[in-house]
Amino acid sequence: GFQFSSIDSLIKKPSKATYTYTDINESSITRNNDFNILQYNI
C-alpha cells in the first residue's frame, strides 16, 4: 500500500537481506545461491 515516510527513517531501518557477489556458486544440491548477486553495474 501507500507509504508516507521520511528518508531518514527509511535509512535507519534494519537490513532486509544480505547479498554477496561471487564468481563461485554453491552446488545444485544445496541450492543456497538465493542471495548471490547475479550481476551489477555502478
PDB file of all heavy atoms in Angstrom:
ATOM      1  N   GLY A   1       0.820  -1.213   0.000  1.00  0.00           N
ATOM      2  CA  GLY A   1       0.000   0.000   0.000  1.00  0.00           C
ATOM      3  C   GLY A   1       0.848   1.254   0.000  1.00  0.00           C
ATOM      4  O   GLY A   1       2.053   1.231  -0.278  1.00  0.00           O
ATOM      5  N   PHE A   2       0.221   2.395   0.319  1.00  0.00           N
ATOM      6  CA  PHE A   2       0.920   3.683   0.334  1.00  0.00           C
ATOM      7  C   PHE A   2       1.912   3.752   1.493  1.00  0.00           C
ATOM      8  O   PHE A   2       1.723   3.127   2.541  1.00  0.00           O
ATOM      9  CB  PHE A   2      -0.082   4.837   0.474  1.00  0.00           C
ATOM     10  CG  PHE A   2      -0.880   5.111  -0.770  1.00  0.00           C
ATOM     11  CD1 PHE A   2      -2.261   5.186  -0.726  1.00  0.00           C
ATOM     12  CD2 PHE A   2      -0.250   5.305  -1.991  1.00  0.00           C
ATOM     13  CE1 PHE A   2      -2.999   5.450  -1.864  1.00  0.00           C
ATOM     14  CE2 PHE A   2      -0.970   5.564  -3.140  1.00  0.00           C
ATOM     15  CZ  PHE A   2      -2.351   5.636  -3.078  1.00  0.00           C
ATOM     16  N   GLN A   3       2.953   4.568   1.300  1.00  0.00           N
ATOM     17  CA  GLN A   3       3.913   4.879   2.348  1.00  0.00           C
ATOM     18  C   GLN A   3       4.227   6.367   2.289  1.00  0.00           C
ATOM     19  O   GLN A   3       4.552   6.890   1.228  1.00  0.00           O
ATOM     20  CB  GLN A   3       5.201   4.072   2.173  1.00  0.00           C
ATOM     21  CG  GLN A   3       5.049   2.577   2.334  1.00  0.00           C
ATOM     22  CD  GLN A   3       4.675   2.170   3.744  1.00  0.00           C
ATOM     23  OE1 GLN A   3       5.164   2.758   4.714  1.00  0.00           O
ATOM     24  NE2 GLN A   3       3.811   1.183   3.879  1.00  0.00           N
ATOM     25  N   PHE A   4       4.108   7.046   3.443  1.00  0.00           N
ATOM     26  CA  PHE A   4       4.495   8.455   3.570  1.00  0.00           C
ATOM     27  C   PHE A   4       5.555   8.481   4.661  1.00  0.00           C
ATOM     28  O   PHE A   4       5.244   8.530   5.854  1.00  0.00           O
ATOM     29  CB  PHE A   4       3.276   9.306   3.936  1.00  0.00           C
ATOM     30  CG  PHE A   4       3.530  10.796   3.902  1.00  0.00           C
ATOM     31  CD1 PHE A   4       3.423  11.518   2.723  1.00  0.00           C
ATOM     32  CD2 PHE A   4       3.876  11.475   5.060  1.00  0.00           C
ATOM     33  CE1 PHE A   4       3.657  12.884   2.685  1.00  0.00           C
ATOM     34  CE2 PHE A   4       4.108  12.844   5.048  1.00  0.00           C
ATOM     35  CZ  PHE A   4       3.991  13.545   3.852  1.00  0.00           C
ATOM     36  N   SER A   5       6.827   8.416   4.252  1.00  0.00           N
ATOM     37  CA  SER A   5       7.917   8.204   5.206  1.00  0.00           C
ATOM     38  C   SER A   5       9.051   9.183   4.957  1.00  0.00           C
ATOM     39  O   SER A   5       9.281   9.607   3.823  1.00  0.00           O
ATOM     40  CB  SER A   5       8.464   6.772   5.102  1.00  0.00           C
ATOM     41  OG  SER A   5       7.450   5.816   5.291  1.00  0.00           O
ATOM     42  N   SER A   6       9.777   9.496   6.020  1.00  0.00           N
ATOM     43  CA  SER A   6      10.967  10.332   5.879  1.00  0.00           C
ATOM     44  C   SER A   6      12.115   9.477   5.366  1.00  0.00           C
ATOM     45  O   SER A   6      12.200   8.271   5.652  1.00  0.00           O
ATOM     46  CB  SER A   6      11.351  10.965   7.224  1.00  0.00           C
ATOM     47  OG  SER A   6      11.782   9.972   8.130  1.00  0.00           O
ATOM     48  N   ILE A   7      12.994  10.094   4.594  1.00  0.00           N
ATOM     49  CA  ILE A   7      14.171   9.387   4.097  1.00  0.00           C
ATOM     50  C   ILE A   7      15.030   8.947   5.272  1.00  0.00           C
ATOM     51  O   ILE A   7      15.624   7.866   5.264  1.00  0.00           O
ATOM     52  CB  ILE A   7      14.959  10.286   3.130  1.00  0.00           C
ATOM     53  CG1 ILE A   7      14.114  10.581   1.888  1.00  0.00           C
ATOM     54  CG2 ILE A   7      16.277   9.644   2.733  1.00  0.00           C
ATOM     55  CD1 ILE A   7      14.741  11.563   0.928  1.00  0.00           C
ATOM     56  N   ASP A   8      15.066   9.775   6.307  1.00  0.00           N
ATOM     57  CA  ASP A   8      15.858   9.454   7.489  1.00  0.00           C
ATOM     58  C   ASP A   8      15.390   8.154   8.144  1.00  0.00           C
ATOM     59  O   ASP A   8      16.202   7.321   8.543  1.00  0.00           O
ATOM     60  CB  ASP A   8      15.767  10.605   8.488  1.00  0.00           C
ATOM     61  CG  ASP A   8      17.091  10.874   9.175  1.00  0.00           C
ATOM     62  OD1 ASP A   8      18.065  11.173   8.463  1.00  0.00           O
ATOM     63  OD2 ASP A   8      17.149  10.767  10.411  1.00  0.00           O
ATOM     64  N   SER A   9      14.076   7.965   8.270  1.00  0.00           N
ATOM     65  CA  SER A   9      13.563   6.746   8.907  1.00  0.00           C
ATOM     66  C   SER A   9      13.761   5.532   8.008  1.00  0.00           C
ATOM     67  O   SER A   9      13.993   4.419   8.499  1.00  0.00           O
ATOM     68  CB  SER A   9      12.082   6.912   9.255  1.00  0.00           C
ATOM     69  OG  SER A   9      11.285   7.010   8.095  1.00  0.00           O
ATOM     70  N   LEU A  10      13.687   5.711   6.683  1.00  0.00           N
ATOM     71  CA  LEU A  10      13.954   4.605   5.772  1.00  0.00           C
ATOM     72  C   LEU A  10      15.401   4.150   5.899  1.00  0.00           C
ATOM     73  O   LEU A  10      15.699   2.949   5.894  1.00  0.00           O
ATOM     74  CB  LEU A  10      13.667   5.020   4.327  1.00  0.00           C
ATOM     75  CG  LEU A  10      12.204   5.284   3.949  1.00  0.00           C
ATOM     76  CD1 LEU A  10      12.108   5.755   2.502  1.00  0.00           C
ATOM     77  CD2 LEU A  10      11.332   4.048   4.162  1.00  0.00           C
ATOM     78  N   ILE A  11      16.319   5.110   6.019  1.00  0.00           N
ATOM     79  CA  ILE A  11      17.734   4.787   6.149  1.00  0.00           C
ATOM     80  C   ILE A  11      18.013   4.009   7.432  1.00  0.00           C
ATOM     81  O   ILE A  11      18.867   3.123   7.464  1.00  0.00           O
ATOM     82  CB  ILE A  11      18.572   6.083   6.097  1.00  0.00           C
ATOM     83  CG1 ILE A  11      18.684   6.579   4.647  1.00  0.00           C
ATOM     84  CG2 ILE A  11      19.961   5.884   6.686  1.00  0.00           C
ATOM     85  CD1 ILE A  11      19.424   7.880   4.500  1.00  0.00           C
ATOM     86  N   LYS A  12      17.272   4.311   8.491  1.00  0.00           N
ATOM     87  CA  LYS A  12      17.529   3.682   9.791  1.00  0.00           C
ATOM     88  C   LYS A  12      16.903   2.299   9.925  1.00  0.00           C
ATOM     89  O   LYS A  12      17.115   1.621  10.938  1.00  0.00           O
ATOM     90  CB  LYS A  12      17.029   4.589  10.914  1.00  0.00           C
ATOM     91  CG  LYS A  12      17.854   5.853  11.094  1.00  0.00           C
ATOM     92  CD  LYS A  12      17.494   6.591  12.367  1.00  0.00           C
ATOM     93  CE  LYS A  12      16.078   7.125  12.321  1.00  0.00           C
ATOM     94  NZ  LYS A  12      15.749   7.917  13.522  1.00  0.00           N
ATOM     95  N   LYS A  13      16.142   1.857   8.925  1.00  0.00           N
ATOM     96  CA  LYS A  13      15.534   0.535   9.010  1.00  0.00           C
ATOM     97  C   LYS A  13      16.604  -0.557   8.979  1.00  0.00           C
ATOM     98  O   LYS A  13      17.633  -0.390   8.331  1.00  0.00           O
ATOM     99  CB  LYS A  13      14.543   0.322   7.858  1.00  0.00           C
ATOM    100  CG  LYS A  13      13.287   1.155   7.949  1.00  0.00           C
ATOM    101  CD  LYS A  13      12.203   0.646   7.009  1.00  0.00           C
ATOM    102  CE  LYS A  13      12.648   0.573   5.583  1.00  0.00           C
ATOM    103  NZ  LYS A  13      11.539   0.171   4.666  1.00  0.00           N
ATOM    104  N   PRO A  14      16.359  -1.680   9.649  1.00  0.00           N
ATOM    105  CA  PRO A  14      17.346  -2.776   9.586  1.00  0.00           C
ATOM    106  C   PRO A  14      17.418  -3.367   8.188  1.00  0.00           C
ATOM    107  O   PRO A  14      16.461  -3.303   7.410  1.00  0.00           O
ATOM    108  CB  PRO A  14      16.791  -3.795  10.594  1.00  0.00           C
ATOM    109  CG  PRO A  14      15.325  -3.486  10.692  1.00  0.00           C
ATOM    110  CD  PRO A  14      15.207  -2.004  10.501  1.00  0.00           C
ATOM    111  N   SER A  15      18.550  -3.933   7.876  1.00  0.00           N
ATOM    112  CA  SER A  15      18.751  -4.537   6.561  1.00  0.00           C
ATOM    113  C   SER A  15      17.819  -5.735   6.375  1.00  0.00           C
ATOM    114  O   SER A  15      17.684  -6.577   7.259  1.00  0.00           O
ATOM    115  CB  SER A  15      20.211  -4.974   6.412  1.00  0.00           C
ATOM    116  OG  SER A  15      20.419  -5.617   5.172  1.00  0.00           O
ATOM    117  N   LYS A  16      17.169  -5.807   5.221  1.00  0.00           N
ATOM    118  CA  LYS A  16      16.202  -6.860   4.933  1.00  0.00           C
ATOM    119  C   LYS A  16      16.898  -8.178   4.582  1.00  0.00           C
ATOM    120  O   LYS A  16      16.407  -9.256   4.885  1.00  0.00           O
ATOM    121  CB  LYS A  16      15.317  -6.410   3.757  1.00  0.00           C
ATOM    122  CG  LYS A  16      14.015  -7.177   3.617  1.00  0.00           C
ATOM    123  CD  LYS A  16      12.919  -6.517   4.422  1.00  0.00           C
ATOM    124  CE  LYS A  16      11.568  -7.195   4.197  1.00  0.00           C
ATOM    125  NZ  LYS A  16      10.806  -6.579   3.100  1.00  0.00           N
ATOM    126  N   ALA A  17      18.031  -8.102   3.891  1.00  0.00           N
ATOM    127  CA  ALA A  17      18.770  -9.296   3.490  1.00  0.00           C
ATOM    128  C   ALA A  17      20.188  -8.882   3.098  1.00  0.00           C
ATOM    129  O   ALA A  17      20.460  -7.701   2.861  1.00  0.00           O
ATOM    130  CB  ALA A  17      18.083 -10.000   2.322  1.00  0.00           C
ATOM    131  N   THR A  18      21.084  -9.857   3.055  1.00  0.00           N
ATOM    132  CA  THR A  18      22.466  -9.607   2.657  1.00  0.00           C
ATOM    133  C   THR A  18      22.762 -10.349   1.361  1.00  0.00           C
ATOM    134  O   THR A  18      22.568 -11.570   1.286  1.00  0.00           O
ATOM    135  CB  THR A  18      23.450 -10.060   3.745  1.00  0.00           C
ATOM    136  OG1 THR A  18      23.199  -9.313   4.947  1.00  0.00           O
ATOM    137  CG2 THR A  18      24.889  -9.829   3.309  1.00  0.00           C
ATOM    138  N   TYR A  19      23.216  -9.616   0.332  1.00  0.00           N
ATOM    139  CA  TYR A  19      23.531 -10.202  -0.967  1.00  0.00           C
ATOM    140  C   TYR A  19      25.035 -10.096  -1.215  1.00  0.00           C
ATOM    141  O   TYR A  19      25.647  -9.064  -0.911  1.00  0.00           O
ATOM    142  CB  TYR A  19      22.758  -9.500  -2.080  1.00  0.00           C
ATOM    143  CG  TYR A  19      21.294  -9.883  -2.113  1.00  0.00           C
ATOM    144  CD1 TYR A  19      20.355  -9.173  -1.366  1.00  0.00           C
ATOM    145  CD2 TYR A  19      20.858 -10.960  -2.881  1.00  0.00           C
ATOM    146  CE1 TYR A  19      19.010  -9.532  -1.388  1.00  0.00           C
ATOM    147  CE2 TYR A  19      19.517 -11.335  -2.906  1.00  0.00           C
ATOM    148  CZ  TYR A  19      18.611 -10.611  -2.160  1.00  0.00           C
ATOM    149  OH  TYR A  19      17.285 -10.974  -2.189  1.00  0.00           O
ATOM    150  N   THR A  20      25.599 -11.157  -1.766  1.00  0.00           N
ATOM    151  CA  THR A  20      27.046 -11.239  -1.968  1.00  0.00           C
ATOM    152  C   THR A  20      27.367 -11.508  -3.432  1.00  0.00           C
ATOM    153  O   THR A  20      26.719 -12.357  -4.063  1.00  0.00           O
ATOM    154  CB  THR A  20      27.650 -12.369  -1.105  1.00  0.00           C
ATOM    155  OG1 THR A  20      27.268 -12.175   0.261  1.00  0.00           O
ATOM    156  CG2 THR A  20      29.164 -12.376  -1.205  1.00  0.00           C
ATOM    157  N   TYR A  21      28.337 -10.776  -3.945  1.00  0.00           N
ATOM    158  CA  TYR A  21      28.782 -11.030  -5.315  1.00  0.00           C
ATOM    159  C   TYR A  21      29.955 -11.996  -5.278  1.00  0.00           C
ATOM    160  O   TYR A  21      30.955 -11.776  -4.596  1.00  0.00           O
ATOM    161  CB  TYR A  21      29.210  -9.738  -6.007  1.00  0.00           C
ATOM    162  CG  TYR A  21      29.584  -9.944  -7.454  1.00  0.00           C
ATOM    163  CD1 TYR A  21      28.599 -10.059  -8.429  1.00  0.00           C
ATOM    164  CD2 TYR A  21      30.920 -10.061  -7.843  1.00  0.00           C
ATOM    165  CE1 TYR A  21      28.928 -10.271  -9.760  1.00  0.00           C
ATOM    166  CE2 TYR A  21      31.261 -10.267  -9.164  1.00  0.00           C
ATOM    167  CZ  TYR A  21      30.257 -10.379 -10.119  1.00  0.00           C
ATOM    168  OH  TYR A  21      30.589 -10.595 -11.437  1.00  0.00           O
ATOM    169  N   THR A  22      29.831 -13.096  -6.011  1.00  0.00           N
ATOM    170  CA  THR A  22      30.885 -14.099  -6.057  1.00  0.00           C
ATOM    171  C   THR A  22      30.880 -14.766  -7.419  1.00  0.00           C
ATOM    172  O   THR A  22      29.842 -14.859  -8.082  1.00  0.00           O
ATOM    173  CB  THR A  22      30.708 -15.160  -4.952  1.00  0.00           C
ATOM    174  OG1 THR A  22      31.703 -16.174  -5.110  1.00  0.00           O
ATOM    175  CG2 THR A  22      29.325 -15.806  -5.037  1.00  0.00           C
ATOM    176  N   ASP A  23      32.051 -15.226  -7.828  1.00  0.00           N
ATOM    177  CA  ASP A  23      32.161 -15.950  -9.097  1.00  0.00           C
ATOM    178  C   ASP A  23      31.877 -17.435  -8.935  1.00  0.00           C
ATOM    179  O   ASP A  23      31.828 -18.180  -9.906  1.00  0.00           O
ATOM    180  CB  ASP A  23      33.573 -15.783  -9.685  1.00  0.00           C
ATOM    181  CG  ASP A  23      33.844 -14.343 -10.097  1.00  0.00           C
ATOM    182  OD1 ASP A  23      32.879 -13.664 -10.475  1.00  0.00           O
ATOM    183  OD2 ASP A  23      35.007 -13.908 -10.025  1.00  0.00           O
ATOM    184  N   ILE A  24      31.707 -17.870  -7.681  1.00  0.00           N
ATOM    185  CA  ILE A  24      31.524 -19.302  -7.415  1.00  0.00           C
ATOM    186  C   ILE A  24      30.152 -19.531  -6.810  1.00  0.00           C
ATOM    187  O   ILE A  24      29.818 -18.956  -5.771  1.00  0.00           O
ATOM    188  CB  ILE A  24      32.598 -19.827  -6.442  1.00  0.00           C
ATOM    189  CG1 ILE A  24      34.001 -19.559  -7.020  1.00  0.00           C
ATOM    190  CG2 ILE A  24      32.391 -21.306  -6.163  1.00  0.00           C
ATOM    191  CD1 ILE A  24      35.120 -19.911  -6.083  1.00  0.00           C
ATOM    192  N   ASN A  25      29.329 -20.346  -7.448  1.00  0.00           N
ATOM    193  CA  ASN A  25      28.040 -20.749  -6.907  1.00  0.00           C
ATOM    194  C   ASN A  25      28.184 -22.066  -6.162  1.00  0.00           C
ATOM    195  O   ASN A  25      29.009 -22.916  -6.515  1.00  0.00           O
ATOM    196  CB  ASN A  25      27.006 -20.916  -8.025  1.00  0.00           C
ATOM    197  CG  ASN A  25      26.524 -19.589  -8.552  1.00  0.00           C
ATOM    198  OD1 ASN A  25      26.689 -18.565  -7.899  1.00  0.00           O
ATOM    199  ND2 ASN A  25      25.930 -19.598  -9.731  1.00  0.00           N
ATOM    200  N   GLU A  26      27.363 -22.229  -5.145  1.00  0.00           N
ATOM    201  CA  GLU A  26      27.372 -23.497  -4.433  1.00  0.00           C
ATOM    202  C   GLU A  26      26.708 -24.566  -5.286  1.00  0.00           C
ATOM    203  O   GLU A  26      26.046 -24.275  -6.281  1.00  0.00           O
ATOM    204  CB  GLU A  26      26.651 -23.338  -3.083  1.00  0.00           C
ATOM    205  CG  GLU A  26      27.368 -22.366  -2.161  1.00  0.00           C
ATOM    206  CD  GLU A  26      26.818 -22.401  -0.751  1.00  0.00           C
ATOM    207  OE1 GLU A  26      26.187 -23.416  -0.403  1.00  0.00           O
ATOM    208  OE2 GLU A  26      27.009 -21.425  -0.021  1.00  0.00           O
ATOM    209  N   SER A  27      26.870 -25.794  -4.895  1.00  0.00           N
ATOM    210  CA  SER A  27      26.385 -26.907  -5.704  1.00  0.00           C
ATOM    211  C   SER A  27      24.881 -26.873  -5.851  1.00  0.00           C
ATOM    212  O   SER A  27      24.161 -26.301  -5.037  1.00  0.00           O
ATOM    213  CB  SER A  27      26.809 -28.234  -5.065  1.00  0.00           C
ATOM    214  OG  SER A  27      26.085 -28.449  -3.869  1.00  0.00           O
ATOM    215  N   SER A  28      24.390 -27.528  -6.895  1.00  0.00           N
ATOM    216  CA  SER A  28      22.951 -27.574  -7.146  1.00  0.00           C
ATOM    217  C   SER A  28      22.231 -28.395  -6.092  1.00  0.00           C
ATOM    218  O   SER A  28      21.012 -28.365  -6.001  1.00  0.00           O
ATOM    219  CB  SER A  28      22.690 -28.172  -8.535  1.00  0.00           C
ATOM    220  OG  SER A  28      23.263 -29.469  -8.626  1.00  0.00           O
ATOM    221  N   ILE A  29      22.973 -29.166  -5.289  1.00  0.00           N
ATOM    222  CA  ILE A  29      22.344 -29.987  -4.252  1.00  0.00           C
ATOM    223  C   ILE A  29      21.914 -29.118  -3.082  1.00  0.00           C
ATOM    224  O   ILE A  29      20.804 -29.220  -2.570  1.00  0.00           O
ATOM    225  CB  ILE A  29      23.315 -31.089  -3.777  1.00  0.00           C
ATOM    226  CG1 ILE A  29      23.659 -32.000  -4.948  1.00  0.00           C
ATOM    227  CG2 ILE A  29      22.701 -31.883  -2.637  1.00  0.00           C
ATOM    228  CD1 ILE A  29      24.689 -33.061  -4.599  1.00  0.00           C
ATOM    229  N   THR A  30      22.792 -28.214  -2.649  1.00  0.00           N
ATOM    230  CA  THR A  30      22.460 -27.368  -1.505  1.00  0.00           C
ATOM    231  C   THR A  30      21.509 -26.243  -1.873  1.00  0.00           C
ATOM    232  O   THR A  30      20.759 -25.761  -1.032  1.00  0.00           O
ATOM    233  CB  THR A  30      23.741 -26.766  -0.902  1.00  0.00           C
ATOM    234  OG1 THR A  30      24.408 -26.000  -1.919  1.00  0.00           O
ATOM    235  CG2 THR A  30      24.684 -27.868  -0.420  1.00  0.00           C
ATOM    236  N   ARG A  31      21.549 -25.798  -3.132  1.00  0.00           N
ATOM    237  CA  ARG A  31      20.635 -24.741  -3.592  1.00  0.00           C
ATOM    238  C   ARG A  31      20.672 -23.513  -2.678  1.00  0.00           C
ATOM    239  O   ARG A  31      19.642 -22.994  -2.288  1.00  0.00           O
ATOM    240  CB  ARG A  31      19.204 -25.279  -3.663  1.00  0.00           C
ATOM    241  CG  ARG A  31      18.970 -26.312  -4.741  1.00  0.00           C
ATOM    242  CD  ARG A  31      19.118 -25.702  -6.118  1.00  0.00           C
ATOM    243  NE  ARG A  31      18.721 -26.628  -7.165  1.00  0.00           N
ATOM    244  CZ  ARG A  31      18.862 -26.407  -8.453  1.00  0.00           C
ATOM    245  NH1 ARG A  31      19.408 -25.281  -8.858  1.00  0.00           N
ATOM    246  NH2 ARG A  31      18.480 -27.287  -9.350  1.00  0.00           N
ATOM    247  N   ASN A  32      21.861 -23.064  -2.344  1.00  0.00           N
ATOM    248  CA  ASN A  32      21.977 -21.927  -1.434  1.00  0.00           C
ATOM    249  C   ASN A  32      22.536 -20.709  -2.161  1.00  0.00           C
ATOM    250  O   ASN A  32      23.403 -20.025  -1.665  1.00  0.00           O
ATOM    251  CB  ASN A  32      22.865 -22.298  -0.240  1.00  0.00           C
ATOM    252  CG  ASN A  32      22.736 -21.299   0.888  1.00  0.00           C
ATOM    253  OD1 ASN A  32      21.741 -20.585   0.973  1.00  0.00           O
ATOM    254  ND2 ASN A  32      23.724 -21.248   1.752  1.00  0.00           N
ATOM    255  N   ASN A  33      22.040 -20.469  -3.378  1.00  0.00           N
ATOM    256  CA  ASN A  33      22.512 -19.333  -4.165  1.00  0.00           C
ATOM    257  C   ASN A  33      21.494 -18.200  -4.221  1.00  0.00           C
ATOM    258  O   ASN A  33      21.618 -17.303  -5.051  1.00  0.00           O
ATOM    259  CB  ASN A  33      22.837 -19.793  -5.593  1.00  0.00           C
ATOM    260  CG  ASN A  33      23.895 -20.875  -5.627  1.00  0.00           C
ATOM    261  OD1 ASN A  33      24.893 -20.773  -4.937  1.00  0.00           O
ATOM    262  ND2 ASN A  33      23.653 -21.928  -6.407  1.00  0.00           N
ATOM    263  N   ASP A  34      20.485 -18.249  -3.378  1.00  0.00           N
ATOM    264  CA  ASP A  34      19.396 -17.280  -3.443  1.00  0.00           C
ATOM    265  C   ASP A  34      19.848 -15.861  -3.139  1.00  0.00           C
ATOM    266  O   ASP A  34      19.170 -14.899  -3.521  1.00  0.00           O
ATOM    267  CB  ASP A  34      18.280 -17.665  -2.465  1.00  0.00           C
ATOM    268  CG  ASP A  34      17.551 -18.931  -2.896  1.00  0.00           C
ATOM    269  OD1 ASP A  34      17.869 -19.431  -3.990  1.00  0.00           O
ATOM    270  OD2 ASP A  34      16.696 -19.418  -2.140  1.00  0.00           O
ATOM    271  N   PHE A  35      20.978 -15.705  -2.449  1.00  0.00           N
ATOM    272  CA  PHE A  35      21.414 -14.370  -2.051  1.00  0.00           C
ATOM    273  C   PHE A  35      22.752 -13.994  -2.703  1.00  0.00           C
ATOM    274  O   PHE A  35      23.523 -13.225  -2.154  1.00  0.00           O
ATOM    275  CB  PHE A  35      21.478 -14.273  -0.528  1.00  0.00           C
ATOM    276  CG  PHE A  35      20.138 -14.501   0.114  1.00  0.00           C
ATOM    277  CD1 PHE A  35      19.792 -15.757   0.598  1.00  0.00           C
ATOM    278  CD2 PHE A  35      19.200 -13.484   0.171  1.00  0.00           C
ATOM    279  CE1 PHE A  35      18.546 -15.980   1.152  1.00  0.00           C
ATOM    280  CE2 PHE A  35      17.948 -13.702   0.716  1.00  0.00           C
ATOM    281  CZ  PHE A  35      17.621 -14.959   1.206  1.00  0.00           C
ATOM    282  N   ASN A  36      22.968 -14.575  -3.866  1.00  0.00           N
ATOM    283  CA  ASN A  36      24.093 -14.168  -4.700  1.00  0.00           C
ATOM    284  C   ASN A  36      23.659 -13.038  -5.628  1.00  0.00           C
ATOM    285  O   ASN A  36      22.524 -13.030  -6.114  1.00  0.00           O
ATOM    286  CB  ASN A  36      24.602 -15.332  -5.552  1.00  0.00           C
ATOM    287  CG  ASN A  36      25.445 -16.313  -4.744  1.00  0.00           C
ATOM    288  OD1 ASN A  36      25.755 -16.056  -3.581  1.00  0.00           O
ATOM    289  ND2 ASN A  36      25.788 -17.432  -5.356  1.00  0.00           N
ATOM    290  N   ILE A  37      24.555 -12.092  -5.861  1.00  0.00           N
ATOM    291  CA  ILE A  37      24.310 -11.037  -6.845  1.00  0.00           C
ATOM    292  C   ILE A  37      24.665 -11.601  -8.207  1.00  0.00           C
ATOM    293  O   ILE A  37      25.822 -11.965  -8.459  1.00  0.00           O
ATOM    294  CB  ILE A  37      25.154  -9.786  -6.528  1.00  0.00           C
ATOM    295  CG1 ILE A  37      24.778  -9.238  -5.146  1.00  0.00           C
ATOM    296  CG2 ILE A  37      24.961  -8.722  -7.591  1.00  0.00           C
ATOM    297  CD1 ILE A  37      25.699  -8.127  -4.653  1.00  0.00           C
ATOM    298  N   LEU A  38      23.687 -11.706  -9.087  1.00  0.00           N
ATOM    299  CA  LEU A  38      23.919 -12.294 -10.403  1.00  0.00           C
ATOM    300  C   LEU A  38      24.762 -11.373 -11.272  1.00  0.00           C
ATOM    301  O   LEU A  38      25.666 -11.818 -11.973  1.00  0.00           O
ATOM    302  CB  LEU A  38      22.586 -12.606 -11.087  1.00  0.00           C
ATOM    303  CG  LEU A  38      21.646 -13.544 -10.305  1.00  0.00           C
ATOM    304  CD1 LEU A  38      20.356 -13.759 -11.081  1.00  0.00           C
ATOM    305  CD2 LEU A  38      22.328 -14.870 -10.014  1.00  0.00           C
ATOM    306  N   GLN A  39      24.444 -10.083 -11.234  1.00  0.00           N
ATOM    307  CA  GLN A  39      25.256  -9.088 -11.942  1.00  0.00           C
ATOM    308  C   GLN A  39      24.959  -7.713 -11.370  1.00  0.00           C
ATOM    309  O   GLN A  39      23.876  -7.489 -10.814  1.00  0.00           O
ATOM    310  CB  GLN A  39      24.974  -9.105 -13.446  1.00  0.00           C
ATOM    311  CG  GLN A  39      23.560  -8.693 -13.825  1.00  0.00           C
ATOM    312  CD  GLN A  39      23.348  -8.693 -15.327  1.00  0.00           C
ATOM    313  OE1 GLN A  39      23.765  -9.602 -16.018  1.00  0.00           O
ATOM    314  NE2 GLN A  39      22.689  -7.665 -15.822  1.00  0.00           N
ATOM    315  N   TYR A  40      25.919  -6.810 -11.491  1.00  0.00           N
ATOM    316  CA  TYR A  40      25.696  -5.448 -11.006  1.00  0.00           C
ATOM    317  C   TYR A  40      26.519  -4.473 -11.827  1.00  0.00           C
ATOM    318  O   TYR A  40      27.505  -4.843 -12.464  1.00  0.00           O
ATOM    319  CB  TYR A  40      26.015  -5.327  -9.511  1.00  0.00           C
ATOM    320  CG  TYR A  40      27.486  -5.263  -9.173  1.00  0.00           C
ATOM    321  CD1 TYR A  40      28.124  -4.039  -8.946  1.00  0.00           C
ATOM    322  CD2 TYR A  40      28.243  -6.426  -9.072  1.00  0.00           C
ATOM    323  CE1 TYR A  40      29.464  -3.984  -8.626  1.00  0.00           C
ATOM    324  CE2 TYR A  40      29.586  -6.383  -8.755  1.00  0.00           C
ATOM    325  CZ  TYR A  40      30.199  -5.153  -8.534  1.00  0.00           C
ATOM    326  OH  TYR A  40      31.533  -5.101  -8.220  1.00  0.00           O
ATOM    327  N   ASN A  41      26.082  -3.232 -11.800  1.00  0.00           N
ATOM    328  CA  ASN A  41      26.758  -2.197 -12.555  1.00  0.00           C
ATOM    329  C   ASN A  41      26.640  -0.884 -11.783  1.00  0.00           C
ATOM    330  O   ASN A  41      25.554  -0.518 -11.326  1.00  0.00           O
ATOM    331  CB  ASN A  41      26.134  -2.040 -13.948  1.00  0.00           C
ATOM    332  CG  ASN A  41      26.856  -0.994 -14.782  1.00  0.00           C
ATOM    333  OD1 ASN A  41      28.043  -1.130 -15.039  1.00  0.00           O
ATOM    334  ND2 ASN A  41      26.149   0.044 -15.173  1.00  0.00           N
ATOM    335  N   ILE A  42      27.748  -0.175 -11.608  1.00  0.00           N
ATOM    336  CA  ILE A  42      27.730   1.126 -10.921  1.00  0.00           C
ATOM    337  C   ILE A  42      27.349   2.187 -11.940  1.00  0.00           C
ATOM    338  O   ILE A  42      28.132   2.539 -12.815  1.00  0.00           O
ATOM    339  CB  ILE A  42      29.096   1.431 -10.285  1.00  0.00           C
ATOM    340  CG1 ILE A  42      29.445   0.362  -9.253  1.00  0.00           C
ATOM    341  CG2 ILE A  42      29.079   2.813  -9.626  1.00  0.00           C
ATOM    342  CD1 ILE A  42      30.822   0.518  -8.638  1.00  0.00           C
TER     343      ILE A  42
END
